[in-house]
Amino acid sequence: MEHNIEHCQNPWENACHGEQIKLYIQFKGEIIPICEQCWSKIADQDNEW
């Protein structure tokens, strides 16, 4: 049986594969999942998407 577990697709940290999705952001026209750990880092930065 194959499980389709969604993982983090943080565009600023390609190595992250966290599975505890906190929220979704729109980045370059695409909706992508962001994990809780990455979101706390992103929220403290001045990134634009």
PDB file of N, CA and C in Angstrom:
ATOM      1  N   MET A   1       0.839  -1.179   0.000  1.00  0.00           N
ATOM      2  CA  MET A   1       0.000   0.000   0.000  1.00  0.00           C
ATOM      3  C   MET A   1       0.883   1.240   0.000  1.00  0.00           C
ATOM      4  N   GLU A   2       0.618   2.158  -0.887  1.00  0.00           N
ATOM      5  CA  GLU A   2       1.407   3.385  -1.007  1.00  0.00           C
ATOM      6  C   GLU A   2       0.724   4.514  -0.237  1.00  0.00           C
ATOM      7  N   HIS A   3       1.511   5.244   0.552  1.00  0.00           N
ATOM      8  CA  HIS A   3       0.989   6.376   1.312  1.00  0.00           C
ATOM      9  C   HIS A   3       1.488   7.662   0.669  1.00  0.00           C
ATOM     10  N   ASN A   4       0.590   8.567   0.412  1.00  0.00           N
ATOM     11  CA  ASN A   4       0.957   9.861  -0.159  1.00  0.00           C
ATOM     12  C   ASN A   4       1.014  10.898   0.954  1.00  0.00           C
ATOM     13  N   ILE A   5       2.089  10.895   1.707  1.00  0.00           N
ATOM     14  CA  ILE A   5       2.272  11.844   2.791  1.00  0.00           C
ATOM     15  C   ILE A   5       2.848  13.123   2.217  1.00  0.00           C
ATOM     16  N   GLU A   6       2.170  14.208   2.501  1.00  0.00           N
ATOM     17  CA  GLU A   6       2.636  15.504   2.024  1.00  0.00           C
ATOM     18  C   GLU A   6       3.837  15.949   2.851  1.00  0.00           C
ATOM     19  N   HIS A   7       4.808  16.555   2.191  1.00  0.00           N
ATOM     20  CA  HIS A   7       5.985  17.037   2.909  1.00  0.00           C
ATOM     21  C   HIS A   7       6.249  18.497   2.551  1.00  0.00           C
ATOM     22  N   CYS A   8       7.031  19.142   3.376  1.00  0.00           N
ATOM     23  CA  CYS A   8       7.373  20.552   3.217  1.00  0.00           C
ATOM     24  C   CYS A   8       8.079  20.787   1.891  1.00  0.00           C
ATOM     25  N   GLN A   9       7.718  21.895   1.250  1.00  0.00           N
ATOM     26  CA  GLN A   9       8.366  22.264  -0.010  1.00  0.00           C
ATOM     27  C   GLN A   9       8.902  23.685   0.089  1.00  0.00           C
ATOM     28  N   ASN A  10       9.527  23.981   1.217  1.00  0.00           N
ATOM     29  CA  ASN A  10      10.093  25.301   1.472  1.00  0.00           C
ATOM     30  C   ASN A  10      11.047  25.689   0.331  1.00  0.00           C
ATOM     31  N   PRO A  11      10.719  26.756  -0.421  1.00  0.00           N
ATOM     32  CA  PRO A  11      11.563  27.124  -1.558  1.00  0.00           C
ATOM     33  C   PRO A  11      12.919  27.704  -1.159  1.00  0.00           C
ATOM     34  N   TRP A  12      13.094  28.067   0.120  1.00  0.00           N
ATOM     35  CA  TRP A  12      14.356  28.635   0.586  1.00  0.00           C
ATOM     36  C   TRP A  12      15.218  27.584   1.292  1.00  0.00           C
ATOM     37  N   GLU A  13      14.688  26.379   1.491  1.00  0.00           N
ATOM     38  CA  GLU A  13      15.448  25.291   2.134  1.00  0.00           C
ATOM     39  C   GLU A  13      15.055  23.974   1.475  1.00  0.00           C
ATOM     40  N   ASN A  14      15.665  23.681   0.366  1.00  0.00           N
ATOM     41  CA  ASN A  14      15.276  22.529  -0.439  1.00  0.00           C
ATOM     42  C   ASN A  14      15.463  21.181   0.249  1.00  0.00           C
ATOM     43  N   ALA A  15      16.279  21.126   1.280  1.00  0.00           N
ATOM     44  CA  ALA A  15      16.559  19.851   1.934  1.00  0.00           C
ATOM     45  C   ALA A  15      15.483  19.454   2.948  1.00  0.00           C
ATOM     46  N   CYS A  16      14.533  20.329   3.239  1.00  0.00           N
ATOM     47  CA  CYS A  16      13.519  20.011   4.245  1.00  0.00           C
ATOM     48  C   CYS A  16      12.462  19.064   3.667  1.00  0.00           C
ATOM     49  N   HIS A  17      12.151  18.041   4.443  1.00  0.00           N
ATOM     50  CA  HIS A  17      11.091  17.107   4.059  1.00  0.00           C
ATOM     51  C   HIS A  17      10.148  16.872   5.236  1.00  0.00           C
ATOM     52  N   GLY A  18       9.971  17.938   6.060  1.00  0.00           N
ATOM     53  CA  GLY A  18       9.089  17.842   7.223  1.00  0.00           C
ATOM     54  C   GLY A  18       7.676  17.476   6.818  1.00  0.00           C
ATOM     55  N   GLU A  19       7.007  16.709   7.665  1.00  0.00           N
ATOM     56  CA  GLU A  19       5.659  16.240   7.367  1.00  0.00           C
ATOM     57  C   GLU A  19       4.595  16.910   8.227  1.00  0.00           C
ATOM     58  N   GLN A  20       4.995  17.754   9.181  1.00  0.00           N
ATOM     59  CA  GLN A  20       4.025  18.447  10.028  1.00  0.00           C
ATOM     60  C   GLN A  20       3.697  19.787   9.371  1.00  0.00           C
ATOM     61  N   ILE A  21       2.782  19.754   8.411  1.00  0.00           N
ATOM     62  CA  ILE A  21       2.450  20.937   7.621  1.00  0.00           C
ATOM     63  C   ILE A  21       1.704  21.942   8.493  1.00  0.00           C
ATOM     64  N   LYS A  22       2.220  23.160   8.528  1.00  0.00           N
ATOM     65  CA  LYS A  22       1.636  24.243   9.327  1.00  0.00           C
ATOM     66  C   LYS A  22       0.667  25.074   8.488  1.00  0.00           C
ATOM     67  N   LEU A  23       1.057  25.352   7.225  1.00  0.00           N
ATOM     68  CA  LEU A  23       0.234  26.180   6.355  1.00  0.00           C
ATOM     69  C   LEU A  23       0.688  26.027   4.921  1.00  0.00           C
ATOM     70  N   TYR A  24      -0.012  26.713   4.043  1.00  0.00           N
ATOM     71  CA  TYR A  24       0.323  26.716   2.618  1.00  0.00           C
ATOM     72  C   TYR A  24       0.558  28.154   2.204  1.00  0.00           C
ATOM     73  N   ILE A  25       1.538  28.354   1.321  1.00  0.00           N
ATOM     74  CA  ILE A  25       1.794  29.688   0.791  1.00  0.00           C
ATOM     75  C   ILE A  25       1.732  29.621  -0.734  1.00  0.00           C
ATOM     76  N   GLN A  26       1.465  30.764  -1.328  1.00  0.00           N
ATOM     77  CA  GLN A  26       1.521  30.838  -2.781  1.00  0.00           C
ATOM     78  C   GLN A  26       2.877  31.399  -3.152  1.00  0.00           C
ATOM     79  N   PHE A  27       3.620  30.638  -3.944  1.00  0.00           N
ATOM     80  CA  PHE A  27       4.967  31.019  -4.348  1.00  0.00           C
ATOM     81  C   PHE A  27       5.089  30.828  -5.845  1.00  0.00           C
ATOM     82  N   LYS A  28       5.325  31.931  -6.555  1.00  0.00           N
ATOM     83  CA  LYS A  28       5.448  31.900  -8.020  1.00  0.00           C
ATOM     84  C   LYS A  28       4.244  31.221  -8.670  1.00  0.00           C
ATOM     85  N   GLY A  29       3.055  31.533  -8.167  1.00  0.00           N
ATOM     86  CA  GLY A  29       1.820  31.020  -8.748  1.00  0.00           C
ATOM     87  C   GLY A  29       1.434  29.617  -8.333  1.00  0.00           C
ATOM     88  N   GLU A  30       2.203  28.995  -7.459  1.00  0.00           N
ATOM     89  CA  GLU A  30       1.930  27.625  -7.027  1.00  0.00           C
ATOM     90  C   GLU A  30       1.678  27.605  -5.520  1.00  0.00           C
ATOM     91  N   ILE A  31       0.697  26.822  -5.077  1.00  0.00           N
ATOM     92  CA  ILE A  31       0.409  26.667  -3.654  1.00  0.00           C
ATOM     93  C   ILE A  31       1.297  25.539  -3.124  1.00  0.00           C
ATOM     94  N   ILE A  32       2.115  25.850  -2.114  1.00  0.00           N
ATOM     95  CA  ILE A  32       3.043  24.845  -1.589  1.00  0.00           C
ATOM     96  C   ILE A  32       2.905  24.712  -0.076  1.00  0.00           C
ATOM     97  N   PRO A  33       3.091  23.489   0.449  1.00  0.00           N
ATOM     98  CA  PRO A  33       3.011  23.250   1.886  1.00  0.00           C
ATOM     99  C   PRO A  33       4.308  23.644   2.589  1.00  0.00           C
ATOM    100  N   ILE A  34       4.154  24.198   3.781  1.00  0.00           N
ATOM    101  CA  ILE A  34       5.290  24.598   4.610  1.00  0.00           C
ATOM    102  C   ILE A  34       5.118  23.959   5.991  1.00  0.00           C
ATOM    103  N   CYS A  35       6.173  23.325   6.488  1.00  0.00           N
ATOM    104  CA  CYS A  35       6.101  22.669   7.797  1.00  0.00           C
ATOM    105  C   CYS A  35       6.239  23.698   8.925  1.00  0.00           C
ATOM    106  N   GLU A  36       5.918  23.263  10.111  1.00  0.00           N
ATOM    107  CA  GLU A  36       5.934  24.145  11.278  1.00  0.00           C
ATOM    108  C   GLU A  36       7.327  24.723  11.541  1.00  0.00           C
ATOM    109  N   GLN A  37       8.355  23.910  11.426  1.00  0.00           N
ATOM    110  CA  GLN A  37       9.720  24.366  11.694  1.00  0.00           C
ATOM    111  C   GLN A  37      10.158  25.418  10.669  1.00  0.00           C
ATOM    112  N   CYS A  38       9.897  25.163   9.397  1.00  0.00           N
ATOM    113  CA  CYS A  38      10.274  26.129   8.366  1.00  0.00           C
ATOM    114  C   CYS A  38       9.465  27.415   8.489  1.00  0.00           C
ATOM    115  N   TRP A  39       8.176  27.293   8.827  1.00  0.00           N
ATOM    116  CA  TRP A  39       7.361  28.498   8.926  1.00  0.00           C
ATOM    117  C   TRP A  39       7.895  29.431  10.008  1.00  0.00           C
ATOM    118  N   SER A  40       8.347  28.901  11.129  1.00  0.00           N
ATOM    119  CA  SER A  40       8.872  29.775  12.180  1.00  0.00           C
ATOM    120  C   SER A  40      10.118  30.517  11.689  1.00  0.00           C
ATOM    121  N   LYS A  41      10.921  29.889  10.819  1.00  0.00           N
ATOM    122  CA  LYS A  41      12.086  30.558  10.240  1.00  0.00           C
ATOM    123  C   LYS A  41      11.657  31.598   9.200  1.00  0.00           C
ATOM    124  N   ILE A  42      10.724  31.227   8.329  1.00  0.00           N
ATOM    125  CA  ILE A  42      10.251  32.129   7.273  1.00  0.00           C
ATOM    126  C   ILE A  42       9.587  33.362   7.870  1.00  0.00           C
ATOM    127  N   ALA A  43       8.797  33.168   8.907  1.00  0.00           N
ATOM    128  CA  ALA A  43       8.052  34.273   9.520  1.00  0.00           C
ATOM    129  C   ALA A  43       8.988  35.335  10.114  1.00  0.00           C
ATOM    130  N   ASP A  44      10.183  34.927  10.506  1.00  0.00           N
ATOM    131  CA  ASP A  44      11.154  35.861  11.085  1.00  0.00           C
ATOM    132  C   ASP A  44      12.017  36.545  10.036  1.00  0.00           C
ATOM    133  N   GLN A  45      11.870  36.163   8.760  1.00  0.00           N
ATOM    134  CA  GLN A  45      12.681  36.741   7.693  1.00  0.00           C
ATOM    135  C   GLN A  45      11.859  37.731   6.868  1.00  0.00           C
ATOM    136  N   ASP A  46      12.528  38.414   5.971  1.00  0.00           N
ATOM    137  CA  ASP A  46      11.875  39.386   5.095  1.00  0.00           C
ATOM    138  C   ASP A  46      11.844  38.846   3.665  1.00  0.00           C
ATOM    139  N   ASN A  47      11.283  37.644   3.490  1.00  0.00           N
ATOM    140  CA  ASN A  47      11.195  37.017   2.176  1.00  0.00           C
ATOM    141  C   ASN A  47       9.987  37.551   1.412  1.00  0.00           C
ATOM    142  N   GLU A  48      10.099  37.548   0.100  1.00  0.00           N
ATOM    143  CA  GLU A  48       8.968  37.896  -0.755  1.00  0.00           C
ATOM    144  C   GLU A  48       8.622  36.705  -1.606  1.00  0.00           C
ATOM    145  N   TRP A  49       7.315  36.475  -1.778  1.00  0.00           N
ATOM    146  CA  TRP A  49       6.879  35.393  -2.658  1.00  0.00           C
ATOM    147  C   TRP A  49       5.706  35.805  -3.429  1.00  0.00           C
TER     148      TRP A  49
END
